[in-house]
N, C-alpha and C. Protein backbone atom coordinates (compact mmCIF):
# COMPACT_ATOMS: atom_id res chain seq x y z
N UNK A 1 71.14 -107.12 -142.32
CA UNK A 1 72.39 -107.81 -142.53
C UNK A 1 72.19 -109.28 -142.19
N UNK A 2 72.68 -110.15 -143.06
CA UNK A 2 72.63 -111.58 -142.80
C UNK A 2 73.96 -112.03 -142.21
N UNK A 3 73.87 -112.95 -141.29
CA UNK A 3 75.07 -113.54 -140.70
C UNK A 3 75.04 -115.02 -141.02
N UNK A 4 76.12 -115.51 -141.61
CA UNK A 4 76.21 -116.92 -141.97
C UNK A 4 77.47 -117.53 -141.38
N UNK A 5 77.39 -118.81 -141.14
CA UNK A 5 78.60 -119.52 -140.72
C UNK A 5 79.48 -119.73 -141.95
N UNK A 6 80.77 -119.72 -141.75
CA UNK A 6 81.70 -119.91 -142.87
C UNK A 6 81.45 -121.25 -143.55
N UNK A 7 81.12 -122.26 -142.79
CA UNK A 7 80.89 -123.60 -143.34
C UNK A 7 79.68 -123.63 -144.28
N UNK A 8 78.76 -122.67 -144.14
CA UNK A 8 77.56 -122.62 -144.98
C UNK A 8 77.77 -121.82 -146.27
N UNK A 9 78.88 -121.16 -146.39
CA UNK A 9 79.13 -120.35 -147.58
C UNK A 9 79.51 -121.24 -148.76
N UNK A 10 79.12 -120.82 -149.92
CA UNK A 10 79.47 -121.55 -151.14
C UNK A 10 80.96 -121.39 -151.39
N UNK A 11 81.60 -122.48 -151.74
CA UNK A 11 83.03 -122.43 -152.03
C UNK A 11 83.24 -121.76 -153.38
N UNK A 12 84.23 -120.92 -153.46
CA UNK A 12 84.56 -120.27 -154.72
C UNK A 12 86.00 -120.63 -155.08
N UNK A 13 86.28 -120.58 -156.35
CA UNK A 13 87.60 -120.93 -156.84
C UNK A 13 88.11 -119.81 -157.73
N UNK A 14 89.41 -119.65 -157.74
CA UNK A 14 90.03 -118.63 -158.56
C UNK A 14 91.09 -119.30 -159.42
N UNK A 15 91.11 -118.94 -160.69
CA UNK A 15 92.15 -119.42 -161.59
C UNK A 15 92.93 -118.20 -162.08
N UNK A 16 94.26 -118.27 -162.02
CA UNK A 16 95.04 -117.17 -162.56
C UNK A 16 96.39 -117.67 -163.04
N UNK A 17 96.92 -116.96 -164.00
CA UNK A 17 98.24 -117.23 -164.55
C UNK A 17 99.16 -116.14 -164.05
N UNK A 18 100.29 -116.55 -163.50
CA UNK A 18 101.25 -115.58 -162.98
C UNK A 18 102.57 -115.79 -163.71
N UNK A 19 103.06 -114.73 -164.30
CA UNK A 19 104.34 -114.79 -164.99
C UNK A 19 105.03 -113.46 -164.77
N UNK A 20 106.31 -113.48 -164.50
CA UNK A 20 107.04 -112.23 -164.32
C UNK A 20 108.48 -112.47 -163.96
N UNK A 21 109.22 -111.41 -164.00
CA UNK A 21 110.65 -111.51 -163.71
C UNK A 21 110.87 -111.74 -162.21
N UNK A 22 112.06 -112.06 -161.87
CA UNK A 22 112.43 -112.32 -160.49
C UNK A 22 112.19 -111.09 -159.61
N UNK A 23 111.61 -111.36 -158.42
CA UNK A 23 111.45 -110.29 -157.44
C UNK A 23 110.16 -109.51 -157.50
N UNK A 24 109.20 -109.92 -158.34
CA UNK A 24 107.96 -109.15 -158.47
C UNK A 24 106.84 -109.66 -157.56
N UNK A 25 107.06 -110.78 -156.83
CA UNK A 25 106.07 -111.23 -155.86
C UNK A 25 105.31 -112.50 -156.22
N UNK A 26 105.80 -113.25 -157.18
CA UNK A 26 105.11 -114.49 -157.58
C UNK A 26 105.06 -115.49 -156.43
N UNK A 27 106.17 -115.69 -155.75
CA UNK A 27 106.22 -116.64 -154.63
C UNK A 27 105.37 -116.15 -153.47
N UNK A 28 105.35 -114.86 -153.23
CA UNK A 28 104.52 -114.30 -152.16
C UNK A 28 103.04 -114.55 -152.45
N UNK A 29 102.64 -114.38 -153.69
CA UNK A 29 101.25 -114.65 -154.08
C UNK A 29 100.91 -116.12 -153.88
N UNK A 30 101.81 -117.01 -154.27
CA UNK A 30 101.59 -118.44 -154.09
C UNK A 30 101.52 -118.78 -152.60
N UNK A 31 102.38 -118.17 -151.80
CA UNK A 31 102.38 -118.39 -150.36
C UNK A 31 101.03 -118.00 -149.76
N UNK A 32 100.50 -116.88 -150.16
CA UNK A 32 99.19 -116.42 -149.67
C UNK A 32 98.09 -117.38 -150.09
N UNK A 33 98.11 -117.81 -151.34
CA UNK A 33 97.09 -118.75 -151.82
C UNK A 33 97.14 -120.06 -151.03
N UNK A 34 98.33 -120.55 -150.74
CA UNK A 34 98.47 -121.81 -149.98
C UNK A 34 97.94 -121.67 -148.56
N UNK A 35 98.03 -120.48 -147.99
CA UNK A 35 97.50 -120.25 -146.65
C UNK A 35 95.98 -120.28 -146.64
N UNK A 36 95.35 -119.97 -147.78
CA UNK A 36 93.89 -119.91 -147.86
C UNK A 36 93.25 -121.26 -148.12
N UNK A 37 94.01 -122.20 -148.67
CA UNK A 37 93.44 -123.52 -148.92
C UNK A 37 94.22 -124.26 -150.00
N UNK A 38 93.69 -125.39 -150.44
CA UNK A 38 94.38 -126.20 -151.46
C UNK A 38 94.68 -125.38 -152.71
N UNK A 39 95.90 -125.49 -153.18
CA UNK A 39 96.37 -124.69 -154.31
C UNK A 39 97.08 -125.60 -155.32
N UNK A 40 96.62 -125.56 -156.56
CA UNK A 40 97.27 -126.30 -157.63
C UNK A 40 98.28 -125.36 -158.29
N UNK A 41 99.53 -125.80 -158.34
CA UNK A 41 100.61 -124.99 -158.91
C UNK A 41 101.24 -125.76 -160.05
N UNK A 42 101.19 -125.19 -161.23
CA UNK A 42 101.81 -125.80 -162.41
C UNK A 42 103.06 -124.99 -162.71
N UNK A 43 104.21 -125.60 -162.49
CA UNK A 43 105.50 -124.91 -162.62
C UNK A 43 106.12 -125.26 -163.96
N UNK A 44 106.17 -124.28 -164.86
CA UNK A 44 106.76 -124.53 -166.17
C UNK A 44 108.16 -123.94 -166.30
N UNK A 45 108.65 -123.35 -165.22
CA UNK A 45 109.89 -122.59 -165.31
C UNK A 45 111.02 -123.13 -164.45
N UNK A 46 110.73 -124.01 -163.48
CA UNK A 46 111.79 -124.51 -162.61
C UNK A 46 111.42 -125.89 -162.09
N UNK A 47 112.03 -126.30 -161.01
CA UNK A 47 111.77 -127.63 -160.44
C UNK A 47 111.22 -127.54 -159.02
N UNK A 48 110.15 -126.82 -158.86
CA UNK A 48 109.55 -126.70 -157.54
C UNK A 48 109.63 -125.29 -157.00
N UNK A 49 109.11 -125.11 -155.82
CA UNK A 49 109.01 -123.79 -155.23
C UNK A 49 110.00 -123.66 -154.09
N UNK A 50 110.81 -122.63 -154.16
CA UNK A 50 111.75 -122.31 -153.09
C UNK A 50 111.18 -121.10 -152.36
N UNK A 51 111.23 -121.11 -151.05
CA UNK A 51 110.78 -119.96 -150.30
C UNK A 51 109.45 -120.14 -149.59
N UNK A 52 108.82 -121.30 -149.73
CA UNK A 52 107.59 -121.58 -149.01
C UNK A 52 107.91 -122.41 -147.78
N UNK A 53 107.14 -122.19 -146.74
CA UNK A 53 107.32 -122.99 -145.53
C UNK A 53 106.70 -124.37 -145.74
N UNK A 54 107.06 -125.31 -144.88
CA UNK A 54 106.49 -126.65 -144.95
C UNK A 54 104.98 -126.60 -144.80
N UNK A 55 104.47 -125.73 -143.92
CA UNK A 55 103.03 -125.60 -143.71
C UNK A 55 102.34 -125.11 -144.98
N UNK A 56 102.95 -124.17 -145.69
CA UNK A 56 102.36 -123.67 -146.93
C UNK A 56 102.37 -124.74 -148.00
N UNK A 57 103.43 -125.54 -148.04
CA UNK A 57 103.52 -126.61 -149.04
C UNK A 57 102.51 -127.72 -148.78
N UNK A 58 102.01 -127.81 -147.55
CA UNK A 58 101.00 -128.82 -147.21
C UNK A 58 99.76 -128.66 -148.07
N UNK A 59 99.41 -127.44 -148.43
CA UNK A 59 98.21 -127.15 -149.23
C UNK A 59 98.49 -127.07 -150.72
N UNK A 60 99.72 -127.35 -151.13
CA UNK A 60 100.09 -127.17 -152.53
C UNK A 60 100.17 -128.51 -153.25
N UNK A 61 99.56 -128.55 -154.42
CA UNK A 61 99.67 -129.68 -155.33
C UNK A 61 100.51 -129.19 -156.50
N UNK A 62 101.64 -129.82 -156.72
CA UNK A 62 102.62 -129.35 -157.69
C UNK A 62 102.63 -130.25 -158.92
N UNK A 63 102.53 -129.64 -160.09
CA UNK A 63 102.65 -130.35 -161.37
C UNK A 63 103.83 -129.74 -162.12
N UNK A 64 104.71 -130.60 -162.62
CA UNK A 64 105.88 -130.15 -163.37
C UNK A 64 105.83 -130.71 -164.79
N UNK A 65 105.10 -130.08 -165.70
CA UNK A 65 105.05 -130.60 -167.07
C UNK A 65 106.44 -130.53 -167.70
N UNK A 66 106.76 -131.58 -168.45
CA UNK A 66 108.10 -131.65 -169.05
C UNK A 66 108.14 -131.10 -170.47
N UNK A 67 106.99 -130.96 -171.10
CA UNK A 67 106.95 -130.45 -172.47
C UNK A 67 105.81 -129.44 -172.60
N UNK A 68 105.87 -128.66 -173.67
CA UNK A 68 104.79 -127.71 -173.95
C UNK A 68 103.48 -128.47 -174.21
N UNK A 69 103.57 -129.63 -174.81
CA UNK A 69 102.38 -130.43 -175.08
C UNK A 69 101.73 -130.90 -173.78
N UNK A 70 102.53 -131.33 -172.81
CA UNK A 70 101.98 -131.72 -171.50
C UNK A 70 101.27 -130.54 -170.85
N UNK A 71 101.90 -129.36 -170.91
CA UNK A 71 101.28 -128.17 -170.33
C UNK A 71 99.96 -127.86 -171.02
N UNK A 72 99.93 -127.95 -172.33
CA UNK A 72 98.71 -127.67 -173.09
C UNK A 72 97.60 -128.64 -172.71
N UNK A 73 97.94 -129.91 -172.54
CA UNK A 73 96.95 -130.91 -172.13
C UNK A 73 96.38 -130.59 -170.75
N UNK A 74 97.23 -130.22 -169.82
CA UNK A 74 96.79 -129.85 -168.47
C UNK A 74 95.89 -128.62 -168.55
N UNK A 75 96.32 -127.63 -169.29
CA UNK A 75 95.57 -126.39 -169.44
C UNK A 75 94.17 -126.68 -170.01
N UNK A 76 94.11 -127.50 -171.04
CA UNK A 76 92.83 -127.83 -171.67
C UNK A 76 91.89 -128.55 -170.71
N UNK A 77 92.43 -129.46 -169.91
CA UNK A 77 91.60 -130.18 -168.95
C UNK A 77 91.08 -129.25 -167.85
N UNK A 78 91.93 -128.35 -167.38
CA UNK A 78 91.52 -127.43 -166.33
C UNK A 78 90.56 -126.35 -166.83
N UNK A 79 90.61 -126.04 -168.11
CA UNK A 79 89.74 -125.00 -168.68
C UNK A 79 88.26 -125.38 -168.58
N UNK A 80 87.99 -126.67 -168.39
CA UNK A 80 86.60 -127.15 -168.29
C UNK A 80 85.98 -126.78 -166.96
N UNK A 81 86.79 -126.42 -165.97
CA UNK A 81 86.27 -126.17 -164.62
C UNK A 81 86.10 -124.70 -164.35
């Protein structure tokens, strides 16, 4: 068994799309992601996140595209990573 320091581990990233009706756990998932580290949140359905603590929002970068074209441009740029 190998033992490594956390600082020596390779950083990994996860990309996912979350969509669903009210009450299915979307905000809970976002809350968990924010606790783990910097989280980019693209909100196409409202004007920000309600239900997160100030500490959780510290790790969140929020983008609010105003049009479908803006969202598509963001999506295309992020698809490269």
